[in-house]
Amino acid sequence: MKNKNPLYVVKDAGGIVEEASSAFDFLVKKFHLEPLVELIKSLIEMILEQVNSYQGIIIAREFIEKILGKLELFKKFGIA
């Protein structure tokens, strides 16, 4: 289903326009945070690959919850 009121991001002075799927996606594209998002995803994947015990699951879950808690600030202020 096509979004009736999409967000658009103008990147760089070249006038490149991209559609954003959400307010969070808009901010990521607007401020060129794609590499940071990829780094966080890679870090979480690396941590989850190392989990081999129940204690590891608990530690990994706590770490991921802390990261996601920081992202909740976006929702708290109505950004995402």
PDB file of N, CA and C in Angstrom:
ATOM      1  N   MET A   1       0.844  -1.188   0.000  1.00  0.00           N
ATOM      2  CA  MET A   1       0.000   0.000   0.000  1.00  0.00           C
ATOM      3  C   MET A   1       0.878   1.237   0.000  1.00  0.00           C
ATOM      4  N   LYS A   2       0.584   2.138  -0.878  1.00  0.00           N
ATOM      5  CA  LYS A   2       1.364   3.362  -1.005  1.00  0.00           C
ATOM      6  C   LYS A   2       0.957   4.351   0.082  1.00  0.00           C
ATOM      7  N   ASN A   3       1.949   4.995   0.681  1.00  0.00           N
ATOM      8  CA  ASN A   3       1.721   5.985   1.720  1.00  0.00           C
ATOM      9  C   ASN A   3       1.053   7.214   1.101  1.00  0.00           C
ATOM     10  N   LYS A   4      -0.041   7.683   1.703  1.00  0.00           N
ATOM     11  CA  LYS A   4      -0.766   8.839   1.167  1.00  0.00           C
ATOM     12  C   LYS A   4      -0.015  10.142   1.395  1.00  0.00           C
ATOM     13  N   ASN A   5       0.789  10.186   2.465  1.00  0.00           N
ATOM     14  CA  ASN A   5       1.516  11.412   2.783  1.00  0.00           C
ATOM     15  C   ASN A   5       2.968  11.045   3.125  1.00  0.00           C
ATOM     16  N   PRO A   6       3.769  10.683   2.121  1.00  0.00           N
ATOM     17  CA  PRO A   6       5.132  10.239   2.405  1.00  0.00           C
ATOM     18  C   PRO A   6       6.049  11.392   2.803  1.00  0.00           C
ATOM     19  N   LEU A   7       7.086  11.028   3.536  1.00  0.00           N
ATOM     20  CA  LEU A   7       8.128  11.984   3.878  1.00  0.00           C
ATOM     21  C   LEU A   7       9.214  11.895   2.820  1.00  0.00           C
ATOM     22  N   TYR A   8       9.801  13.013   2.481  1.00  0.00           N
ATOM     23  CA  TYR A   8      10.884  13.024   1.512  1.00  0.00           C
ATOM     24  C   TYR A   8      12.093  13.694   2.118  1.00  0.00           C
ATOM     25  N   VAL A   9      13.257  13.175   1.792  1.00  0.00           N
ATOM     26  CA  VAL A   9      14.521  13.717   2.274  1.00  0.00           C
ATOM     27  C   VAL A   9      15.314  14.194   1.078  1.00  0.00           C
ATOM     28  N   VAL A  10      15.754  15.445   1.124  1.00  0.00           N
ATOM     29  CA  VAL A  10      16.642  15.966   0.088  1.00  0.00           C
ATOM     30  C   VAL A  10      18.053  15.826   0.622  1.00  0.00           C
ATOM     31  N   LYS A  11      18.841  14.995  -0.061  1.00  0.00           N
ATOM     32  CA  LYS A  11      20.201  14.725   0.394  1.00  0.00           C
ATOM     33  C   LYS A  11      21.190  15.513  -0.452  1.00  0.00           C
ATOM     34  N   ASP A  12      22.098  16.151   0.222  1.00  0.00           N
ATOM     35  CA  ASP A  12      23.188  16.892  -0.411  1.00  0.00           C
ATOM     36  C   ASP A  12      22.670  18.053  -1.253  1.00  0.00           C
ATOM     37  N   ALA A  13      23.596  18.824  -1.753  1.00  0.00           N
ATOM     38  CA  ALA A  13      23.253  19.977  -2.578  1.00  0.00           C
ATOM     39  C   ALA A  13      22.869  19.550  -3.990  1.00  0.00           C
ATOM     40  N   GLY A  14      23.129  18.279  -4.332  1.00  0.00           N
ATOM     41  CA  GLY A  14      22.820  17.781  -5.663  1.00  0.00           C
ATOM     42  C   GLY A  14      21.335  17.606  -5.899  1.00  0.00           C
ATOM     43  N   GLY A  15      20.539  17.697  -4.861  1.00  0.00           N
ATOM     44  CA  GLY A  15      19.097  17.595  -5.011  1.00  0.00           C
ATOM     45  C   GLY A  15      18.583  16.171  -5.090  1.00  0.00           C
ATOM     46  N   ILE A  16      19.335  15.213  -4.567  1.00  0.00           N
ATOM     47  CA  ILE A  16      18.881  13.829  -4.560  1.00  0.00           C
ATOM     48  C   ILE A  16      17.754  13.697  -3.551  1.00  0.00           C
ATOM     49  N   VAL A  17      16.610  13.186  -3.991  1.00  0.00           N
ATOM     50  CA  VAL A  17      15.433  13.070  -3.143  1.00  0.00           C
ATOM     51  C   VAL A  17      15.146  11.589  -2.893  1.00  0.00           C
ATOM     52  N   GLU A  18      14.962  11.241  -1.611  1.00  0.00           N
ATOM     53  CA  GLU A  18      14.627   9.878  -1.234  1.00  0.00           C
ATOM     54  C   GLU A  18      13.364   9.902  -0.388  1.00  0.00           C
ATOM     55  N   GLU A  19      12.549   8.868  -0.512  1.00  0.00           N
ATOM     56  CA  GLU A  19      11.357   8.743   0.317  1.00  0.00           C
ATOM     57  C   GLU A  19      11.729   8.058   1.616  1.00  0.00           C
ATOM     58  N   ALA A  20      11.192   8.548   2.726  1.00  0.00           N
ATOM     59  CA  ALA A  20      11.432   7.950   4.040  1.00  0.00           C
ATOM     60  C   ALA A  20      10.161   7.250   4.490  1.00  0.00           C
ATOM     61  N   SER A  21      10.320   6.067   5.085  1.00  0.00           N
ATOM     62  CA  SER A  21       9.160   5.281   5.482  1.00  0.00           C
ATOM     63  C   SER A  21       8.585   5.697   6.829  1.00  0.00           C
ATOM     64  N   SER A  22       9.378   6.387   7.654  1.00  0.00           N
ATOM     65  CA  SER A  22       8.914   6.845   8.968  1.00  0.00           C
ATOM     66  C   SER A  22       9.722   8.069   9.376  1.00  0.00           C
ATOM     67  N   ALA A  23       9.343   8.650  10.507  1.00  0.00           N
ATOM     68  CA  ALA A  23      10.074   9.814  10.993  1.00  0.00           C
ATOM     69  C   ALA A  23      11.496   9.416  11.393  1.00  0.00           C
ATOM     70  N   PHE A  24      11.653   8.227  11.968  1.00  0.00           N
ATOM     71  CA  PHE A  24      12.986   7.748  12.334  1.00  0.00           C
ATOM     72  C   PHE A  24      13.837   7.549  11.083  1.00  0.00           C
ATOM     73  N   ASP A  25      13.258   6.934  10.063  1.00  0.00           N
ATOM     74  CA  ASP A  25      13.954   6.732   8.793  1.00  0.00           C
ATOM     75  C   ASP A  25      14.324   8.087   8.179  1.00  0.00           C
ATOM     76  N   PHE A  26      13.442   9.057   8.307  1.00  0.00           N
ATOM     77  CA  PHE A  26      13.705  10.413   7.816  1.00  0.00           C
ATOM     78  C   PHE A  26      14.947  10.992   8.489  1.00  0.00           C
ATOM     79  N   LEU A  27      15.028  10.876   9.830  1.00  0.00           N
ATOM     80  CA  LEU A  27      16.169  11.422  10.559  1.00  0.00           C
ATOM     81  C   LEU A  27      17.465  10.700  10.202  1.00  0.00           C
ATOM     82  N   VAL A  28      17.388   9.377  10.065  1.00  0.00           N
ATOM     83  CA  VAL A  28      18.572   8.609   9.697  1.00  0.00           C
ATOM     84  C   VAL A  28      19.094   9.055   8.342  1.00  0.00           C
ATOM     85  N   LYS A  29      18.193   9.220   7.376  1.00  0.00           N
ATOM     86  CA  LYS A  29      18.621   9.629   6.033  1.00  0.00           C
ATOM     87  C   LYS A  29      19.049  11.095   5.997  1.00  0.00           C
ATOM     88  N   LYS A  30      18.338  11.948   6.702  1.00  0.00           N
ATOM     89  CA  LYS A  30      18.630  13.381   6.685  1.00  0.00           C
ATOM     90  C   LYS A  30      20.015  13.684   7.251  1.00  0.00           C
ATOM     91  N   PHE A  31      20.360  13.011   8.342  1.00  0.00           N
ATOM     92  CA  PHE A  31      21.633  13.272   9.001  1.00  0.00           C
ATOM     93  C   PHE A  31      22.710  12.248   8.644  1.00  0.00           C
ATOM     94  N   HIS A  32      22.460  11.464   7.593  1.00  0.00           N
ATOM     95  CA  HIS A  32      23.432  10.492   7.067  1.00  0.00           C
ATOM     96  C   HIS A  32      23.915   9.526   8.154  1.00  0.00           C
ATOM     97  N   LEU A  33      22.968   8.947   8.882  1.00  0.00           N
ATOM     98  CA  LEU A  33      23.289   8.034   9.969  1.00  0.00           C
ATOM     99  C   LEU A  33      23.232   6.565   9.559  1.00  0.00           C
ATOM    100  N   GLU A  34      23.108   6.295   8.274  1.00  0.00           N
ATOM    101  CA  GLU A  34      23.031   4.910   7.811  1.00  0.00           C
ATOM    102  C   GLU A  34      24.224   4.081   8.276  1.00  0.00           C
ATOM    103  N   PRO A  35      25.464   4.612   8.195  1.00  0.00           N
ATOM    104  CA  PRO A  35      26.605   3.818   8.672  1.00  0.00           C
ATOM    105  C   PRO A  35      26.514   3.486  10.169  1.00  0.00           C
ATOM    106  N   LEU A  36      26.006   4.414  10.962  1.00  0.00           N
ATOM    107  CA  LEU A  36      25.861   4.171  12.396  1.00  0.00           C
ATOM    108  C   LEU A  36      24.828   3.082  12.660  1.00  0.00           C
ATOM    109  N   VAL A  37      23.719   3.123  11.954  1.00  0.00           N
ATOM    110  CA  VAL A  37      22.685   2.109  12.112  1.00  0.00           C
ATOM    111  C   VAL A  37      23.221   0.742  11.720  1.00  0.00           C
ATOM    112  N   GLU A  38      23.976   0.677  10.642  1.00  0.00           N
ATOM    113  CA  GLU A  38      24.577  -0.587  10.209  1.00  0.00           C
ATOM    114  C   GLU A  38      25.586  -1.090  11.231  1.00  0.00           C
ATOM    115  N   LEU A  39      26.345  -0.177  11.836  1.00  0.00           N
ATOM    116  CA  LEU A  39      27.308  -0.564  12.858  1.00  0.00           C
ATOM    117  C   LEU A  39      26.602  -1.169  14.070  1.00  0.00           C
ATOM    118  N   ILE A  40      25.534  -0.549  14.516  1.00  0.00           N
ATOM    119  CA  ILE A  40      24.770  -1.064  15.655  1.00  0.00           C
ATOM    120  C   ILE A  40      24.187  -2.438  15.329  1.00  0.00           C
ATOM    121  N   LYS A  41      23.631  -2.585  14.119  1.00  0.00           N
ATOM    122  CA  LYS A  41      23.090  -3.886  13.716  1.00  0.00           C
ATOM    123  C   LYS A  41      24.177  -4.948  13.694  1.00  0.00           C
ATOM    124  N   SER A  42      25.333  -4.619  13.167  1.00  0.00           N
ATOM    125  CA  SER A  42      26.447  -5.572  13.113  1.00  0.00           C
ATOM    126  C   SER A  42      26.917  -5.943  14.514  1.00  0.00           C
ATOM    127  N   LEU A  43      26.970  -4.961  15.405  1.00  0.00           N
ATOM    128  CA  LEU A  43      27.389  -5.205  16.781  1.00  0.00           C
ATOM    129  C   LEU A  43      26.428  -6.165  17.478  1.00  0.00           C
ATOM    130  N   ILE A  44      25.141  -5.936  17.312  1.00  0.00           N
ATOM    131  CA  ILE A  44      24.142  -6.815  17.928  1.00  0.00           C
ATOM    132  C   ILE A  44      24.237  -8.221  17.348  1.00  0.00           C
ATOM    133  N   GLU A  45      24.400  -8.334  16.040  1.00  0.00           N
ATOM    134  CA  GLU A  45      24.543  -9.652  15.417  1.00  0.00           C
ATOM    135  C   GLU A  45      25.784 -10.371  15.938  1.00  0.00           C
ATOM    136  N   MET A  46      26.897  -9.648  16.091  1.00  0.00           N
ATOM    137  CA  MET A  46      28.124 -10.251  16.584  1.00  0.00           C
ATOM    138  C   MET A  46      27.944 -10.750  18.014  1.00  0.00           C
ATOM    139  N   ILE A  47      27.284  -9.967  18.839  1.00  0.00           N
ATOM    140  CA  ILE A  47      27.044 -10.370  20.226  1.00  0.00           C
ATOM    141  C   ILE A  47      26.165 -11.617  20.271  1.00  0.00           C
ATOM    142  N   LEU A  48      25.108 -11.641  19.469  1.00  0.00           N
ATOM    143  CA  LEU A  48      24.205 -12.785  19.491  1.00  0.00           C
ATOM    144  C   LEU A  48      24.876 -14.055  18.971  1.00  0.00           C
ATOM    145  N   GLU A  49      25.835 -13.935  18.064  1.00  0.00           N
ATOM    146  CA  GLU A  49      26.575 -15.104  17.583  1.00  0.00           C
ATOM    147  C   GLU A  49      27.441 -15.714  18.674  1.00  0.00           C
ATOM    148  N   GLN A  50      27.864 -14.912  19.642  1.00  0.00           N
ATOM    149  CA  GLN A  50      28.741 -15.382  20.712  1.00  0.00           C
ATOM    150  C   GLN A  50      27.992 -16.020  21.874  1.00  0.00           C
ATOM    151  N   VAL A  51      26.677 -15.888  21.897  1.00  0.00           N
ATOM    152  CA  VAL A  51      25.883 -16.418  23.005  1.00  0.00           C
ATOM    153  C   VAL A  51      25.832 -17.939  22.908  1.00  0.00           C
ATOM    154  N   ASN A  52      26.242 -18.595  24.005  1.00  0.00           N
ATOM    155  CA  ASN A  52      26.188 -20.049  24.031  1.00  0.00           C
ATOM    156  C   ASN A  52      25.725 -20.593  25.376  1.00  0.00           C
ATOM    157  N   SER A  53      25.172 -19.729  26.215  1.00  0.00           N
ATOM    158  CA  SER A  53      24.648 -20.178  27.501  1.00  0.00           C
ATOM    159  C   SER A  53      23.482 -19.284  27.915  1.00  0.00           C
ATOM    160  N   TYR A  54      22.777 -19.752  28.931  1.00  0.00           N
ATOM    161  CA  TYR A  54      21.639 -18.979  29.426  1.00  0.00           C
ATOM    162  C   TYR A  54      22.109 -17.637  29.989  1.00  0.00           C
ATOM    163  N   GLN A  55      23.227 -17.645  30.728  1.00  0.00           N
ATOM    164  CA  GLN A  55      23.768 -16.399  31.269  1.00  0.00           C
ATOM    165  C   GLN A  55      24.134 -15.438  30.147  1.00  0.00           C
ATOM    166  N   GLY A  56      24.667 -15.963  29.049  1.00  0.00           N
ATOM    167  CA  GLY A  56      24.984 -15.131  27.892  1.00  0.00           C
ATOM    168  C   GLY A  56      23.751 -14.498  27.286  1.00  0.00           C
ATOM    169  N   ILE A  57      22.659 -15.268  27.258  1.00  0.00           N
ATOM    170  CA  ILE A  57      21.389 -14.731  26.740  1.00  0.00           C
ATOM    171  C   ILE A  57      20.926 -13.562  27.597  1.00  0.00           C
ATOM    172  N   ILE A  58      21.022 -13.713  28.910  1.00  0.00           N
ATOM    173  CA  ILE A  58      20.582 -12.646  29.818  1.00  0.00           C
ATOM    174  C   ILE A  58      21.426 -11.387  29.621  1.00  0.00           C
ATOM    175  N   ILE A  59      22.739 -11.552  29.541  1.00  0.00           N
ATOM    176  CA  ILE A  59      23.628 -10.395  29.361  1.00  0.00           C
ATOM    177  C   ILE A  59      23.369  -9.724  28.018  1.00  0.00           C
ATOM    178  N   ALA A  60      23.227 -10.518  26.960  1.00  0.00           N
ATOM    179  CA  ALA A  60      22.966  -9.958  25.626  1.00  0.00           C
ATOM    180  C   ALA A  60      21.630  -9.227  25.610  1.00  0.00           C
ATOM    181  N   ARG A  61      20.617  -9.815  26.247  1.00  0.00           N
ATOM    182  CA  ARG A  61      19.300  -9.169  26.288  1.00  0.00           C
ATOM    183  C   ARG A  61      19.366  -7.827  27.013  1.00  0.00           C
ATOM    184  N   GLU A  62      20.079  -7.782  28.143  1.00  0.00           N
ATOM    185  CA  GLU A  62      20.208  -6.526  28.893  1.00  0.00           C
ATOM    186  C   GLU A  62      20.909  -5.452  28.057  1.00  0.00           C
ATOM    187  N   PHE A  63      21.952  -5.847  27.342  1.00  0.00           N
ATOM    188  CA  PHE A  63      22.682  -4.895  26.501  1.00  0.00           C
ATOM    189  C   PHE A  63      21.800  -4.363  25.374  1.00  0.00           C
ATOM    190  N   ILE A  64      21.097  -5.262  24.714  1.00  0.00           N
ATOM    191  CA  ILE A  64      20.211  -4.854  23.612  1.00  0.00           C
ATOM    192  C   ILE A  64      19.090  -3.965  24.127  1.00  0.00           C
ATOM    193  N   GLU A  65      18.549  -4.282  25.308  1.00  0.00           N
ATOM    194  CA  GLU A  65      17.499  -3.444  25.889  1.00  0.00           C
ATOM    195  C   GLU A  65      18.011  -2.044  26.210  1.00  0.00           C
ATOM    196  N   LYS A  66      19.264  -1.935  26.626  1.00  0.00           N
ATOM    197  CA  LYS A  66      19.846  -0.607  26.886  1.00  0.00           C
ATOM    198  C   LYS A  66      19.946   0.198  25.592  1.00  0.00           C
ATOM    199  N   ILE A  67      20.389  -0.460  24.530  1.00  0.00           N
ATOM    200  CA  ILE A  67      20.489   0.231  23.238  1.00  0.00           C
ATOM    201  C   ILE A  67      19.106   0.669  22.769  1.00  0.00           C
ATOM    202  N   LEU A  68      18.139  -0.241  22.848  1.00  0.00           N
ATOM    203  CA  LEU A  68      16.787   0.098  22.410  1.00  0.00           C
ATOM    204  C   LEU A  68      16.152   1.146  23.314  1.00  0.00           C
ATOM    205  N   GLY A  69      16.531   1.157  24.582  1.00  0.00           N
ATOM    206  CA  GLY A  69      16.040   2.186  25.504  1.00  0.00           C
ATOM    207  C   GLY A  69      16.487   3.570  25.081  1.00  0.00           C
ATOM    208  N   LYS A  70      17.709   3.657  24.575  1.00  0.00           N
ATOM    209  CA  LYS A  70      18.197   4.950  24.072  1.00  0.00           C
ATOM    210  C   LYS A  70      17.388   5.387  22.854  1.00  0.00           C
ATOM    211  N   LEU A  71      17.017   4.430  22.022  1.00  0.00           N
ATOM    212  CA  LEU A  71      16.221   4.758  20.841  1.00  0.00           C
ATOM    213  C   LEU A  71      14.798   5.142  21.209  1.00  0.00           C
ATOM    214  N   GLU A  72      14.330   4.698  22.379  1.00  0.00           N
ATOM    215  CA  GLU A  72      12.987   5.056  22.833  1.00  0.00           C
ATOM    216  C   GLU A  72      12.860   6.558  23.064  1.00  0.00           C
ATOM    217  N   LEU A  73      13.976   7.229  23.269  1.00  0.00           N
ATOM    218  CA  LEU A  73      13.926   8.689  23.450  1.00  0.00           C
ATOM    219  C   LEU A  73      13.317   9.358  22.225  1.00  0.00           C
ATOM    220  N   PHE A  74      13.572   8.785  21.034  1.00  0.00           N
ATOM    221  CA  PHE A  74      12.980   9.330  19.813  1.00  0.00           C
ATOM    222  C   PHE A  74      11.455   9.277  19.901  1.00  0.00           C
ATOM    223  N   LYS A  75      10.937   8.145  20.374  1.00  0.00           N
ATOM    224  CA  LYS A  75       9.487   7.992  20.461  1.00  0.00           C
ATOM    225  C   LYS A  75       8.913   8.896  21.564  1.00  0.00           C
ATOM    226  N   LYS A  76       9.663   9.037  22.664  1.00  0.00           N
ATOM    227  CA  LYS A  76       9.192   9.855  23.770  1.00  0.00           C
ATOM    228  C   LYS A  76       8.971  11.299  23.330  1.00  0.00           C
ATOM    229  N   PHE A  77       9.820  11.793  22.470  1.00  0.00           N
ATOM    230  CA  PHE A  77       9.707  13.171  22.019  1.00  0.00           C
ATOM    231  C   PHE A  77       8.956  13.288  20.702  1.00  0.00           C
ATOM    232  N   GLY A  78       8.306  12.195  20.286  1.00  0.00           N
ATOM    233  CA  GLY A  78       7.454  12.232  19.104  1.00  0.00           C
ATOM    234  C   GLY A  78       8.204  12.298  17.787  1.00  0.00           C
ATOM    235  N   ILE A  79       9.464  11.872  17.785  1.00  0.00           N
ATOM    236  CA  ILE A  79      10.251  11.934  16.557  1.00  0.00           C
ATOM    237  C   ILE A  79       9.968  10.733  15.682  1.00  0.00           C
ATOM    238  N   ALA A  80       9.742   9.575  16.303  1.00  0.00           N
ATOM    239  CA  ALA A  80       9.507   8.354  15.516  1.00  0.00           C
ATOM    240  C   ALA A  80       8.150   7.772  15.844  1.00  0.00           C
TER     241      ALA A  80
END
